[in-house]
Amino acid sequence: MEQLISSLMEKHVTSVNLEDSIGRVEDILDTHKLSCVPVVDAENQCFGVISAPDLVHFHRLRKNPASAKAWEICTHRVIAVSPQLSVREAAELMVAHRIHHLVVVDGEAIIGIVSAIDLVRDYLLRSVR
């Protein structure tokens, strides 16, 4: 049986709200040592994702982080996956879409997030057994 993505995902997901300032988003990423954060709406459903490359692009445009909102810079094409997705399928999605994170959902609710580092860590742990 193939290993499921639910076995690797981070279950404690820190998210930001649509109206949070970019400054707040950066504070949250820094405080929690994250490289990406889901952006959620009032119903706590995933609207988008802000990752480090999104912030680099934002700062390259020299915009004010206090006045810009999370919804303005997030990536809207979120690839949300089921917790039943296999680790192999998750890796294939990441490679095909050239992304580093997948949001894991149950229906509309975010239940986890998995990164490329999680996949590499798992691979290394299994290869030393």
C-alpha atoms as a PDB file:
ATOM      1  CA  MET A   1       0.000   0.000   0.000  1.00  0.00           C
ATOM      2  CA  GLU A   2       1.288   3.444  -0.899  1.00  0.00           C
ATOM      3  CA  GLN A   3       2.011   5.972   1.809  1.00  0.00           C
ATOM      4  CA  LEU A   4      -0.604   8.727   2.046  1.00  0.00           C
ATOM      5  CA  ILE A   5       0.132  12.432   2.152  1.00  0.00           C
ATOM      6  CA  SER A   6      -1.800  12.661   5.442  1.00  0.00           C
ATOM      7  CA  SER A   7       1.086  10.849   7.137  1.00  0.00           C
ATOM      8  CA  LEU A   8       3.513  13.659   6.212  1.00  0.00           C
ATOM      9  CA  MET A   9       1.394  16.795   6.333  1.00  0.00           C
ATOM     10  CA  GLU A  10       1.759  19.464   8.966  1.00  0.00           C
ATOM     11  CA  LYS A  11      -1.551  19.382  10.808  1.00  0.00           C
ATOM     12  CA  HIS A  12      -1.134  22.690  12.642  1.00  0.00           C
ATOM     13  CA  VAL A  13      -1.643  25.135   9.786  1.00  0.00           C
ATOM     14  CA  THR A  14      -1.097  28.829  10.369  1.00  0.00           C
ATOM     15  CA  SER A  15      -3.150  30.923   7.977  1.00  0.00           C
ATOM     16  CA  VAL A  16      -3.774  34.617   7.353  1.00  0.00           C
ATOM     17  CA  ASN A  17      -6.954  36.491   6.525  1.00  0.00           C
ATOM     18  CA  LEU A  18      -7.739  38.173   3.221  1.00  0.00           C
ATOM     19  CA  GLU A  19      -7.453  41.640   4.748  1.00  0.00           C
ATOM     20  CA  ASP A  20      -4.225  41.075   6.706  1.00  0.00           C
ATOM     21  CA  SER A  21      -1.481  43.482   5.678  1.00  0.00           C
ATOM     22  CA  ILE A  22       1.618  42.150   3.964  1.00  0.00           C
ATOM     23  CA  GLY A  23       3.575  43.369   6.980  1.00  0.00           C
ATOM     24  CA  ARG A  24       1.461  41.101   9.209  1.00  0.00           C
ATOM     25  CA  VAL A  25       1.903  38.196   6.792  1.00  0.00           C
ATOM     26  CA  GLU A  26       5.679  38.657   6.924  1.00  0.00           C
ATOM     27  CA  ASP A  27       5.590  38.797  10.735  1.00  0.00           C
ATOM     28  CA  ILE A  28       3.629  35.534  10.854  1.00  0.00           C
ATOM     29  CA  LEU A  29       5.974  33.808   8.406  1.00  0.00           C
ATOM     30  CA  ASP A  30       8.996  34.986  10.381  1.00  0.00           C
ATOM     31  CA  THR A  31       7.581  34.151  13.825  1.00  0.00           C
ATOM     32  CA  HIS A  32       6.547  30.628  12.816  1.00  0.00           C
ATOM     33  CA  LYS A  33       9.546  30.036  10.494  1.00  0.00           C
ATOM     34  CA  LEU A  34       7.292  29.297   7.520  1.00  0.00           C
ATOM     35  CA  SER A  35       7.901  29.629   3.793  1.00  0.00           C
ATOM     36  CA  CYS A  36       4.227  29.798   2.833  1.00  0.00           C
ATOM     37  CA  VAL A  37       0.872  30.505   4.395  1.00  0.00           C
ATOM     38  CA  PRO A  38      -2.699  29.908   3.188  1.00  0.00           C
ATOM     39  CA  VAL A  39      -4.919  32.972   2.818  1.00  0.00           C
ATOM     40  CA  VAL A  40      -8.441  32.249   4.080  1.00  0.00           C
ATOM     41  CA  ASP A  41     -11.771  34.031   3.710  1.00  0.00           C
ATOM     42  CA  ALA A  42     -14.365  34.765   6.399  1.00  0.00           C
ATOM     43  CA  GLU A  43     -15.607  31.153   6.235  1.00  0.00           C
ATOM     44  CA  ASN A  44     -12.027  29.913   6.778  1.00  0.00           C
ATOM     45  CA  GLN A  45     -11.865  28.517   3.236  1.00  0.00           C
ATOM     46  CA  CYS A  46      -8.661  28.727   1.246  1.00  0.00           C
ATOM     47  CA  PHE A  47      -8.661  31.733  -1.075  1.00  0.00           C
ATOM     48  CA  GLY A  48      -4.979  31.534  -2.012  1.00  0.00           C
ATOM     49  CA  VAL A  49      -1.429  31.016  -0.791  1.00  0.00           C
ATOM     50  CA  ILE A  50       1.383  33.468  -0.137  1.00  0.00           C
ATOM     51  CA  SER A  51       4.874  32.051  -0.473  1.00  0.00           C
ATOM     52  CA  ALA A  52       8.348  33.513  -0.307  1.00  0.00           C
ATOM     53  CA  PRO A  53       8.514  34.118  -4.098  1.00  0.00           C
ATOM     54  CA  ASP A  54       5.255  36.116  -3.892  1.00  0.00           C
ATOM     55  CA  LEU A  55       6.854  38.378  -1.279  1.00  0.00           C
ATOM     56  CA  VAL A  56      10.035  38.782  -3.318  1.00  0.00           C
ATOM     57  CA  HIS A  57       7.944  39.889  -6.289  1.00  0.00           C
ATOM     58  CA  PHE A  58       5.919  42.249  -4.071  1.00  0.00           C
ATOM     59  CA  HIS A  59       9.061  43.919  -2.709  1.00  0.00           C
ATOM     60  CA  ARG A  60      10.624  44.110  -6.144  1.00  0.00           C
ATOM     61  CA  LEU A  61       7.712  46.372  -7.073  1.00  0.00           C
ATOM     62  CA  ARG A  62       8.591  48.513  -4.015  1.00  0.00           C
ATOM     63  CA  LYS A  63       5.089  48.539  -2.593  1.00  0.00           C
ATOM     64  CA  ASN A  64       4.234  49.433   0.993  1.00  0.00           C
ATOM     65  CA  PRO A  65       3.765  46.282   3.144  1.00  0.00           C
ATOM     66  CA  ALA A  66       1.566  48.186   5.602  1.00  0.00           C
ATOM     67  CA  SER A  67      -1.058  49.152   3.023  1.00  0.00           C
ATOM     68  CA  ALA A  68      -1.180  46.094   0.724  1.00  0.00           C
ATOM     69  CA  LYS A  69      -3.480  43.211   1.689  1.00  0.00           C
ATOM     70  CA  ALA A  70      -2.915  39.464   1.563  1.00  0.00           C
ATOM     71  CA  TRP A  71      -5.602  38.889  -1.065  1.00  0.00           C
ATOM     72  CA  GLU A  72      -3.809  41.258  -3.433  1.00  0.00           C
ATOM     73  CA  ILE A  73      -0.583  39.266  -3.722  1.00  0.00           C
ATOM     74  CA  CYS A  74      -1.554  35.659  -3.030  1.00  0.00           C
ATOM     75  CA  THR A  75      -1.438  32.962  -5.658  1.00  0.00           C
ATOM     76  CA  HIS A  76      -5.062  32.125  -6.443  1.00  0.00           C
ATOM     77  CA  ARG A  77      -4.493  28.853  -8.291  1.00  0.00           C
ATOM     78  CA  VAL A  78      -4.178  26.798  -5.143  1.00  0.00           C
ATOM     79  CA  ILE A  79      -3.619  23.117  -5.658  1.00  0.00           C
ATOM     80  CA  ALA A  80      -5.660  21.549  -2.891  1.00  0.00           C
ATOM     81  CA  VAL A  81      -5.419  17.804  -2.400  1.00  0.00           C
ATOM     82  CA  SER A  82      -7.170  15.091  -0.455  1.00  0.00           C
ATOM     83  CA  PRO A  83      -5.456  13.527   2.574  1.00  0.00           C
ATOM     84  CA  GLN A  84      -5.864  10.236   0.673  1.00  0.00           C
ATOM     85  CA  LEU A  85      -3.458  11.325  -2.076  1.00  0.00           C
ATOM     86  CA  SER A  86      -0.347   9.173  -2.226  1.00  0.00           C
ATOM     87  CA  VAL A  87       3.042  10.678  -1.490  1.00  0.00           C
ATOM     88  CA  ARG A  88       4.122   9.766  -5.009  1.00  0.00           C
ATOM     89  CA  GLU A  89       1.130  11.578  -6.542  1.00  0.00           C
ATOM     90  CA  ALA A  90       1.875  14.607  -4.359  1.00  0.00           C
ATOM     91  CA  ALA A  91       5.477  14.679  -5.577  1.00  0.00           C
ATOM     92  CA  GLU A  92       4.305  14.363  -9.188  1.00  0.00           C
ATOM     93  CA  LEU A  93       1.895  17.302  -8.728  1.00  0.00           C
ATOM     94  CA  MET A  94       4.630  19.461  -7.214  1.00  0.00           C
ATOM     95  CA  VAL A  95       6.995  18.714 -10.085  1.00  0.00           C
ATOM     96  CA  ALA A  96       4.333  19.139 -12.789  1.00  0.00           C
ATOM     97  CA  HIS A  97       3.171  22.495 -11.414  1.00  0.00           C
ATOM     98  CA  ARG A  98       6.599  23.639 -10.213  1.00  0.00           C
ATOM     99  CA  ILE A  99       5.348  24.331  -6.692  1.00  0.00           C
ATOM    100  CA  HIS A 100       6.768  23.645  -3.248  1.00  0.00           C
ATOM    101  CA  HIS A 101       3.596  23.267  -1.167  1.00  0.00           C
ATOM    102  CA  LEU A 102       0.237  21.532  -1.333  1.00  0.00           C
ATOM    103  CA  VAL A 103      -2.749  22.492   0.791  1.00  0.00           C
ATOM    104  CA  VAL A 104      -4.506  19.403   2.166  1.00  0.00           C
ATOM    105  CA  VAL A 105      -8.274  19.760   2.483  1.00  0.00           C
ATOM    106  CA  ASP A 106     -11.219  17.745   3.683  1.00  0.00           C
ATOM    107  CA  GLY A 107     -14.125  19.164   1.726  1.00  0.00           C
ATOM    108  CA  GLU A 108     -13.545  22.912   1.993  1.00  0.00           C
ATOM    109  CA  ALA A 109     -11.635  22.816   5.307  1.00  0.00           C
ATOM    110  CA  ILE A 110      -7.850  23.091   5.392  1.00  0.00           C
ATOM    111  CA  ILE A 111      -6.562  20.187   7.468  1.00  0.00           C
ATOM    112  CA  GLY A 112      -2.879  20.316   6.613  1.00  0.00           C
ATOM    113  CA  ILE A 113      -0.079  21.497   4.415  1.00  0.00           C
ATOM    114  CA  VAL A 114       2.789  19.526   2.933  1.00  0.00           C
ATOM    115  CA  SER A 115       6.011  20.905   1.515  1.00  0.00           C
ATOM    116  CA  ALA A 116       8.679  19.556  -0.781  1.00  0.00           C
ATOM    117  CA  ILE A 117      10.965  19.453   2.268  1.00  0.00           C
ATOM    118  CA  ASP A 118       8.482  17.116   3.987  1.00  0.00           C
ATOM    119  CA  LEU A 119       8.768  14.756   1.009  1.00  0.00           C
ATOM    120  CA  VAL A 120      12.563  14.914   0.980  1.00  0.00           C
ATOM    121  CA  ARG A 121      12.731  14.345   4.761  1.00  0.00           C
ATOM    122  CA  ASP A 122      10.478  11.288   4.439  1.00  0.00           C
ATOM    123  CA  TYR A 123      12.554   9.920   1.592  1.00  0.00           C
ATOM    124  CA  LEU A 124      15.768  10.310   3.586  1.00  0.00           C
ATOM    125  CA  LEU A 125      14.272   8.716   6.699  1.00  0.00           C
ATOM    126  CA  ARG A 126      13.016   5.733   4.706  1.00  0.00           C
ATOM    127  CA  SER A 127      16.316   5.316   2.862  1.00  0.00           C
ATOM    128  CA  VAL A 128      18.325   4.870   6.090  1.00  0.00           C
ATOM    129  CA  ARG A 129      16.078   2.102   7.442  1.00  0.00           C
END
